[in-house]
C-alpha atoms as a PDB file:
ATOM      1  CA  MET A   1    -167.078  43.338  85.157  1.00  0.00           C
ATOM      2  CA  PRO A   2    -163.755  41.717  86.102  1.00  0.00           C
ATOM      3  CA  GLU A   3    -160.678  43.105  84.273  1.00  0.00           C
ATOM      4  CA  LYS A   4    -158.091  41.143  82.329  1.00  0.00           C
ATOM      5  CA  LEU A   5    -154.799  40.768  84.120  1.00  0.00           C
ATOM      6  CA  PRO A   6    -152.308  43.180  82.555  1.00  0.00           C
ATOM      7  CA  VAL A   7    -149.264  41.939  80.683  1.00  0.00           C
ATOM      8  CA  SER A   8    -147.132  43.358  83.511  1.00  0.00           C
ATOM      9  CA  PHE A   9    -148.608  40.667  85.865  1.00  0.00           C
ATOM     10  CA  PHE A  10    -146.775  38.035  83.735  1.00  0.00           C
ATOM     11  CA  ARG A  11    -143.533  39.883  83.398  1.00  0.00           C
ATOM     12  CA  ARG A  12    -142.496  38.874  86.946  1.00  0.00           C
ATOM     13  CA  ASP A  13    -140.698  35.794  88.172  1.00  0.00           C
ATOM     14  CA  VAL A  14    -142.719  32.608  87.702  1.00  0.00           C
ATOM     15  CA  LEU A  15    -142.555  31.879  91.463  1.00  0.00           C
ATOM     16  CA  LYS A  16    -144.585  35.072  92.015  1.00  0.00           C
ATOM     17  CA  VAL A  17    -146.900  34.650  89.037  1.00  0.00           C
ATOM     18  CA  ALA A  18    -147.840  30.972  89.605  1.00  0.00           C
ATOM     19  CA  PRO A  19    -149.368  31.266  93.109  1.00  0.00           C
ATOM     20  CA  GLY A  20    -150.895  34.661  92.062  1.00  0.00           C
ATOM     21  CA  LEU A  21    -152.926  32.841  89.413  1.00  0.00           C
ATOM     22  CA  LEU A  22    -154.839  30.775  91.888  1.00  0.00           C
ATOM     23  CA  GLY A  23    -158.437  31.928  92.230  1.00  0.00           C
ATOM     24  CA  LYS A  24    -158.205  33.955  89.009  1.00  0.00           C
ATOM     25  CA  TYR A  25    -160.436  33.164  86.025  1.00  0.00           C
ATOM     26  CA  LEU A  26    -159.211  31.642  82.842  1.00  0.00           C
ATOM     27  CA  VAL A  27    -161.517  32.818  80.072  1.00  0.00           C
ATOM     28  CA  ARG A  28    -161.930  31.185  76.696  1.00  0.00           C
ATOM     29  CA  LYS A  29    -163.739  32.650  73.720  1.00  0.00           C
ATOM     30  CA  TYR A  30    -164.365  29.718  71.451  1.00  0.00           C
ATOM     31  CA  PRO A  31    -164.379  29.995  67.638  1.00  0.00           C
ATOM     32  CA  ASP A  32    -168.255  29.905  67.674  1.00  0.00           C
ATOM     33  CA  GLY A  33    -168.307  33.000  69.927  1.00  0.00           C
ATOM     34  CA  THR A  34    -169.195  31.202  73.154  1.00  0.00           C
ATOM     35  CA  VAL A  35    -167.314  32.513  76.235  1.00  0.00           C
ATOM     36  CA  ARG A  36    -166.649  30.392  79.311  1.00  0.00           C
ATOM     37  CA  ARG A  37    -164.881  31.219  82.544  1.00  0.00           C
ATOM     38  CA  PHE A  38    -162.846  28.717  84.617  1.00  0.00           C
ATOM     39  CA  ARG A  39    -161.468  29.368  88.199  1.00  0.00           C
ATOM     40  CA  ILE A  40    -157.774  28.361  88.279  1.00  0.00           C
ATOM     41  CA  THR A  41    -157.055  25.899  91.108  1.00  0.00           C
ATOM     42  CA  ASP A  42    -153.693  24.196  90.280  1.00  0.00           C
ATOM     43  CA  VAL A  43    -150.561  25.427  88.523  1.00  0.00           C
ATOM     44  CA  GLU A  44    -146.880  24.406  88.199  1.00  0.00           C
ATOM     45  CA  ALA A  45    -143.849  26.689  87.785  1.00  0.00           C
ATOM     46  CA  TYR A  46    -140.907  25.931  85.447  1.00  0.00           C
ATOM     47  CA  ARG A  47    -137.918  28.271  85.757  1.00  0.00           C
ATOM     48  CA  GLY A  48    -134.950  28.634  83.508  1.00  0.00           C
ATOM     49  CA  GLU A  49    -132.327  26.464  81.751  1.00  0.00           C
ATOM     50  CA  GLU A  50    -131.035  25.224  85.150  1.00  0.00           C
ATOM     51  CA  ASP A  51    -134.490  23.665  86.019  1.00  0.00           C
ATOM     52  CA  LYS A  52    -134.115  20.103  84.592  1.00  0.00           C
ATOM     53  CA  ALA A  53    -137.947  19.814  84.385  1.00  0.00           C
ATOM     54  CA  CYS A  54    -138.266  22.956  82.178  1.00  0.00           C
ATOM     55  CA  HIS A  55    -138.396  22.489  78.432  1.00  0.00           C
ATOM     56  CA  ALA A  56    -135.670  25.131  78.140  1.00  0.00           C
ATOM     57  CA  HIS A  57    -133.228  22.977  80.130  1.00  0.00           C
ATOM     58  CA  LYS A  58    -131.441  21.819  76.964  1.00  0.00           C
ATOM     59  CA  GLY A  59    -131.362  25.322  75.596  1.00  0.00           C
ATOM     60  CA  ARG A  60    -133.133  27.177  72.834  1.00  0.00           C
ATOM     61  CA  THR A  61    -134.745  25.113  70.131  1.00  0.00           C
ATOM     62  CA  PRO A  62    -137.628  25.678  67.711  1.00  0.00           C
ATOM     63  CA  ARG A  63    -139.886  24.023  70.351  1.00  0.00           C
ATOM     64  CA  THR A  64    -138.653  26.113  73.252  1.00  0.00           C
ATOM     65  CA  GLU A  65    -138.316  29.429  71.439  1.00  0.00           C
ATOM     66  CA  MET A  66    -141.587  30.761  72.892  1.00  0.00           C
ATOM     67  CA  LEU A  67    -140.199  30.375  76.459  1.00  0.00           C
ATOM     68  CA  TYR A  68    -137.546  32.992  75.638  1.00  0.00           C
ATOM     69  CA  HIS A  69    -140.087  35.683  74.887  1.00  0.00           C
ATOM     70  CA  LYS A  70    -141.222  38.375  77.363  1.00  0.00           C
ATOM     71  CA  GLY A  71    -143.826  37.154  79.812  1.00  0.00           C
ATOM     72  CA  GLY A  72    -147.440  37.235  78.740  1.00  0.00           C
ATOM     73  CA  VAL A  73    -147.471  34.953  75.699  1.00  0.00           C
ATOM     74  CA  ILE A  74    -149.168  31.549  75.380  1.00  0.00           C
ATOM     75  CA  TYR A  75    -146.959  28.469  75.133  1.00  0.00           C
ATOM     76  CA  VAL A  76    -149.016  25.405  74.080  1.00  0.00           C
ATOM     77  CA  TYR A  77    -147.513  22.038  73.187  1.00  0.00           C
ATOM     78  CA  LEU A  78    -148.808  18.614  72.306  1.00  0.00           C
ATOM     79  CA  ILE A  79    -148.080  15.566  74.431  1.00  0.00           C
ATOM     80  CA  TYR A  80    -148.741  11.934  73.554  1.00  0.00           C
ATOM     81  CA  GLY A  81    -149.981  13.182  70.195  1.00  0.00           C
ATOM     82  CA  ILE A  82    -153.299  13.836  71.829  1.00  0.00           C
ATOM     83  CA  TYR A  83    -153.333  16.581  74.530  1.00  0.00           C
ATOM     84  CA  TRP A  84    -152.530  20.305  74.154  1.00  0.00           C
ATOM     85  CA  LEU A  85    -151.153  21.705  77.383  1.00  0.00           C
ATOM     86  CA  LEU A  86    -151.504  25.397  78.376  1.00  0.00           C
ATOM     87  CA  ASN A  87    -148.584  27.317  79.660  1.00  0.00           C
ATOM     88  CA  ILE A  88    -148.020  31.018  80.029  1.00  0.00           C
ATOM     89  CA  VAL A  89    -144.543  32.489  79.585  1.00  0.00           C
ATOM     90  CA  THR A  90    -143.512  34.649  82.536  1.00  0.00           C
ATOM     91  CA  GLY A  91    -140.614  36.879  83.468  1.00  0.00           C
ATOM     92  CA  ALA A  92    -138.151  38.811  81.188  1.00  0.00           C
ATOM     93  CA  GLU A  93    -137.116  38.213  77.651  1.00  0.00           C
ATOM     94  CA  GLU A  94    -134.301  35.725  77.221  1.00  0.00           C
ATOM     95  CA  LYS A  95    -135.053  34.184  80.758  1.00  0.00           C
ATOM     96  CA  PRO A  96    -137.081  31.136  79.876  1.00  0.00           C
ATOM     97  CA  GLN A  97    -139.813  30.323  82.393  1.00  0.00           C
ATOM     98  CA  GLY A  98    -143.428  29.632  82.437  1.00  0.00           C
ATOM     99  CA  VAL A  99    -146.441  28.443  84.387  1.00  0.00           C
ATOM    100  CA  MET A 100    -148.568  25.361  83.445  1.00  0.00           C
ATOM    101  CA  ILE A 101    -152.294  25.422  84.175  1.00  0.00           C
ATOM    102  CA  ARG A 102    -152.890  21.938  85.677  1.00  0.00           C
ATOM    103  CA  ALA A 103    -156.477  22.331  86.817  1.00  0.00           C
ATOM    104  CA  VAL A 104    -159.491  24.581  86.873  1.00  0.00           C
ATOM    105  CA  GLU A 105    -162.480  24.130  89.105  1.00  0.00           C
ATOM    106  CA  GLY A 106    -164.114  20.779  88.219  1.00  0.00           C
ATOM    107  CA  ILE A 107    -161.519  19.832  85.586  1.00  0.00           C
ATOM    108  CA  TYR A 108    -158.405  18.096  86.858  1.00  0.00           C
ATOM    109  CA  GLY A 109    -155.295  17.422  84.757  1.00  0.00           C
ATOM    110  CA  PRO A 110    -153.684  19.651  82.161  1.00  0.00           C
ATOM    111  CA  GLY A 111    -154.732  17.370  79.286  1.00  0.00           C
ATOM    112  CA  ARG A 112    -158.397  17.623  80.232  1.00  0.00           C
ATOM    113  CA  VAL A 113    -158.078  21.416  80.692  1.00  0.00           C
ATOM    114  CA  GLY A 114    -156.622  21.643  77.196  1.00  0.00           C
ATOM    115  CA  ARG A 115    -159.393  19.514  75.753  1.00  0.00           C
ATOM    116  CA  GLU A 116    -162.118  21.622  77.497  1.00  0.00           C
ATOM    117  CA  LEU A 117    -160.495  24.803  76.221  1.00  0.00           C
ATOM    118  CA  LYS A 118    -160.181  23.295  72.696  1.00  0.00           C
ATOM    119  CA  LEU A 119    -156.558  24.340  72.579  1.00  0.00           C
ATOM    120  CA  ASP A 120    -154.473  23.898  69.451  1.00  0.00           C
ATOM    121  CA  LYS A 121    -151.256  25.227  67.852  1.00  0.00           C
ATOM    122  CA  SER A 122    -153.069  28.330  66.656  1.00  0.00           C
ATOM    123  CA  LEU A 123    -152.785  29.834  70.103  1.00  0.00           C
ATOM    124  CA  LEU A 124    -148.978  29.448  70.297  1.00  0.00           C
ATOM    125  CA  GLY A 125    -147.296  32.804  70.778  1.00  0.00           C
ATOM    126  CA  LYS A 126    -150.493  34.810  71.161  1.00  0.00           C
ATOM    127  CA  SER A 127    -150.885  37.285  73.981  1.00  0.00           C
ATOM    128  CA  ILE A 128    -152.616  35.979  77.186  1.00  0.00           C
ATOM    129  CA  THR A 129    -154.313  39.461  77.180  1.00  0.00           C
ATOM    130  CA  GLY A 130    -155.811  38.816  73.723  1.00  0.00           C
ATOM    131  CA  ASN A 131    -159.401  38.098  72.708  1.00  0.00           C
ATOM    132  CA  GLU A 132    -159.321  34.283  72.405  1.00  0.00           C
ATOM    133  CA  LEU A 133    -157.811  33.286  75.795  1.00  0.00           C
ATOM    134  CA  TRP A 134    -157.209  35.520  78.776  1.00  0.00           C
ATOM    135  CA  ILE A 135    -157.132  35.617  82.586  1.00  0.00           C
ATOM    136  CA  GLU A 136    -159.385  37.893  84.641  1.00  0.00           C
ATOM    137  CA  ASP A 137    -158.615  39.208  88.040  1.00  0.00           C
ATOM    138  CA  SER A 138    -160.696  38.250  91.098  1.00  0.00           C
ATOM    139  CA  ASP A 139    -160.893  39.516  94.618  1.00  0.00           C
ATOM    140  CA  GLU A 140    -160.152  36.007  95.849  1.00  0.00           C
ATOM    141  CA  LYS A 141    -156.853  35.331  97.607  1.00  0.00           C
ATOM    142  CA  PRO A 142    -157.205  31.618  98.288  1.00  0.00           C
ATOM    143  CA  GLU A 143    -155.043  29.725 100.710  1.00  0.00           C
ATOM    144  CA  PHE A 144    -152.878  27.275  98.909  1.00  0.00           C
ATOM    145  CA  ILE A 145    -150.471  24.433  99.432  1.00  0.00           C
ATOM    146  CA  THR A 146    -147.240  23.551  97.659  1.00  0.00           C
ATOM    147  CA  VAL A 147    -146.268  20.058  96.537  1.00  0.00           C
ATOM    148  CA  PRO A 148    -143.656  18.631  94.105  1.00  0.00           C
ATOM    149  CA  ARG A 149    -144.439  18.836  90.370  1.00  0.00           C
ATOM    150  CA  VAL A 150    -145.925  15.852  88.586  1.00  0.00           C
ATOM    151  CA  GLY A 151    -144.360  13.499  86.088  1.00  0.00           C
ATOM    152  CA  ILE A 152    -140.768  14.791  86.215  1.00  0.00           C
ATOM    153  CA  ASP A 153    -138.865  11.961  87.822  1.00  0.00           C
ATOM    154  CA  TYR A 154    -136.227  12.352  85.089  1.00  0.00           C
ATOM    155  CA  ALA A 155    -135.373  15.818  86.511  1.00  0.00           C
ATOM    156  CA  GLN A 156    -133.218  14.301  89.278  1.00  0.00           C
ATOM    157  CA  GLU A 157    -132.710  16.832  92.123  1.00  0.00           C
ATOM    158  CA  TRP A 158    -135.474  19.082  90.689  1.00  0.00           C
ATOM    159  CA  LYS A 159    -138.265  16.508  91.041  1.00  0.00           C
ATOM    160  CA  ASP A 160    -138.861  17.165  94.787  1.00  0.00           C
ATOM    161  CA  ILE A 161    -138.986  20.947  94.630  1.00  0.00           C
ATOM    162  CA  GLU A 162    -142.440  22.162  95.609  1.00  0.00           C
ATOM    163  CA  TRP A 163    -143.253  24.359  92.627  1.00  0.00           C
ATOM    164  CA  ARG A 164    -146.807  23.081  92.176  1.00  0.00           C
ATOM    165  CA  PHE A 165    -149.368  25.419  93.773  1.00  0.00           C
ATOM    166  CA  MET A 166    -152.844  24.236  94.582  1.00  0.00           C
ATOM    167  CA  VAL A 167    -155.866  25.944  96.137  1.00  0.00           C
ATOM    168  CA  LYS A 168    -156.254  24.470  99.627  1.00  0.00           C
ATOM    169  CA  GLU A 169    -159.490  22.504  99.971  1.00  0.00           C
ATOM    170  CA  LYS A 170    -161.803  23.723 102.710  1.00  0.00           C
END
């Protein structure tokens, strides 16, 4: 049986964690007890207050507080009043960074992923090594490509940095 990734996996720099998540399995135990596994295929890295695309760019606020925790906690937030997006805090305490799960095999787009996982605010701040949502290791080390992140034109010089990691299609 595959093992959960340890919290130490997430306490590294986001630029190591993000590509390392590709090919791993995101596992959701739903409130009714059903468990589903999803292979991670697309992630984006956000790194620090200096990164104008990162929520922490404007500093610590009630919304961004979670990003300042030690790596290994879940950071979910609502966009457009409809979609909950899944992010996992990485790195050291007081060094805000995280990785967004953009796609899993067969489900493309972070809003669709959130809907499929039935995300809501109740997961905010919980451990990614808990019993509701976790990531399992796999032996797979897929080839991947890097491309610019999506929807961050406002981030000026940060919009073209290739911090989106995607499993390379065969």
